[in-house]
Amino acid sequence: MYSIEISPAAEKDFKKLKKKLSYLDGIISIIDDLSSDSRPIGARKVKGFLRTFRMRYRSYRIIYDIYEKDNRIIVLRILKRSESTYKF
């Protein structure tokens, strides 16, 4: 089991998504499922980073880091896919 932490930037992204309630439930479900499986089917490693992965939900990306030693996952961003999605 992994503990899930949400970064301040991801919290800000999450608040913006509250306007789109249909997307919100799916994203919450994906984040909850990460606690039991840090690399579910569909998770992809982000090139150029050691422990950063992404999950896709419709046109949004959930970007997170996995810390194996601490059994911890930090959700970094929840962004709509664009040219600048992975520039952080």
Protein backbone atom coordinates (compact mmCIF):
# COMPACT_ATOMS: atom_id res chain seq x y z
CA MET A 1 0.00 0.00 0.00
CA TYR A 2 1.20 3.46 -0.91
CA SER A 3 0.26 6.69 0.81
CA ILE A 4 -0.96 9.38 -1.57
CA GLU A 5 0.06 13.02 -1.22
CA ILE A 6 -1.18 15.89 -3.35
CA SER A 7 1.24 18.69 -4.19
CA PRO A 8 0.08 22.33 -3.89
CA ALA A 9 0.16 22.65 -7.69
CA ALA A 10 -2.05 19.56 -8.07
CA GLU A 11 -4.48 20.94 -5.48
CA LYS A 12 -4.77 24.09 -7.56
CA ASP A 13 -5.39 22.00 -10.70
CA PHE A 14 -7.97 19.95 -8.80
CA LYS A 15 -9.90 23.06 -7.76
CA LYS A 16 -10.11 24.16 -11.40
CA LEU A 17 -11.56 20.76 -12.31
CA LYS A 18 -14.42 21.07 -9.82
CA LYS A 19 -16.27 22.96 -12.55
CA LYS A 20 -16.20 19.82 -14.71
CA LEU A 21 -17.82 17.32 -12.36
CA SER A 22 -18.02 14.54 -14.94
CA TYR A 23 -14.20 14.45 -15.13
CA LEU A 24 -13.71 14.77 -11.39
CA ASP A 25 -15.02 11.33 -10.43
CA GLY A 26 -12.79 9.51 -12.91
CA ILE A 27 -9.68 11.39 -11.80
CA ILE A 28 -10.41 10.75 -8.12
CA SER A 29 -10.89 7.06 -8.89
CA ILE A 30 -7.52 6.83 -10.68
CA ILE A 31 -5.71 8.59 -7.82
CA ASP A 32 -7.35 6.30 -5.23
CA ASP A 33 -6.37 3.21 -7.22
CA LEU A 34 -2.72 4.31 -7.21
CA SER A 35 -2.52 3.49 -3.49
CA SER A 36 -2.80 -0.22 -4.24
CA ASP A 37 -1.07 -0.32 -7.64
CA SER A 38 1.50 2.38 -8.38
CA ARG A 39 1.93 1.30 -12.00
CA PRO A 40 -1.49 0.23 -13.28
CA ILE A 41 -2.16 -0.67 -16.87
CA GLY A 42 -1.85 2.52 -18.89
CA ALA A 43 0.74 4.18 -16.65
CA ARG A 44 3.69 5.50 -18.63
CA LYS A 45 7.07 6.72 -17.47
CA VAL A 46 7.80 10.35 -18.29
CA LYS A 47 11.01 10.55 -20.31
CA GLY A 48 13.87 12.41 -18.67
CA PHE A 49 12.69 11.81 -15.09
CA LEU A 50 13.70 9.02 -12.71
CA ARG A 51 10.47 8.33 -10.87
CA THR A 52 7.80 10.34 -12.67
CA PHE A 53 4.85 8.59 -14.30
CA ARG A 54 1.64 9.69 -15.97
CA MET A 55 -1.85 8.33 -16.25
CA ARG A 56 -4.32 9.35 -18.89
CA TYR A 57 -7.95 10.15 -18.24
CA ARG A 58 -9.72 11.47 -21.33
CA SER A 59 -7.76 14.57 -22.34
CA TYR A 60 -6.21 15.00 -18.88
CA ARG A 61 -2.92 13.70 -17.50
CA ILE A 62 -2.27 12.82 -13.88
CA ILE A 63 1.46 13.23 -13.31
CA TYR A 64 2.96 11.64 -10.21
CA ASP A 65 6.20 10.55 -8.57
CA ILE A 66 6.70 7.13 -6.96
CA TYR A 67 8.97 6.84 -3.91
CA GLU A 68 9.43 3.09 -3.43
CA LYS A 69 11.47 3.25 -0.20
CA ASP A 70 8.82 5.34 1.57
CA ASN A 71 5.82 3.64 -0.07
CA ARG A 72 4.65 7.10 -1.07
CA ILE A 73 3.16 8.63 -4.21
CA ILE A 74 3.06 12.38 -4.76
CA VAL A 75 0.59 13.66 -7.33
CA LEU A 76 2.40 16.55 -9.01
CA ARG A 77 -0.11 17.89 -11.53
CA ILE A 78 -3.49 17.21 -13.09
CA LEU A 79 -3.40 18.92 -16.47
CA LYS A 80 -5.18 18.96 -19.77
CA ARG A 81 -2.82 17.60 -22.42
CA SER A 82 -0.99 20.32 -24.33
CA GLU A 83 2.48 21.25 -25.54
CA SER A 84 3.48 22.48 -22.07
CA THR A 85 2.04 19.64 -19.97
CA TYR A 86 5.40 18.08 -19.06
CA LYS A 87 7.37 21.31 -18.56
CA PHE A 88 7.60 21.65 -14.79
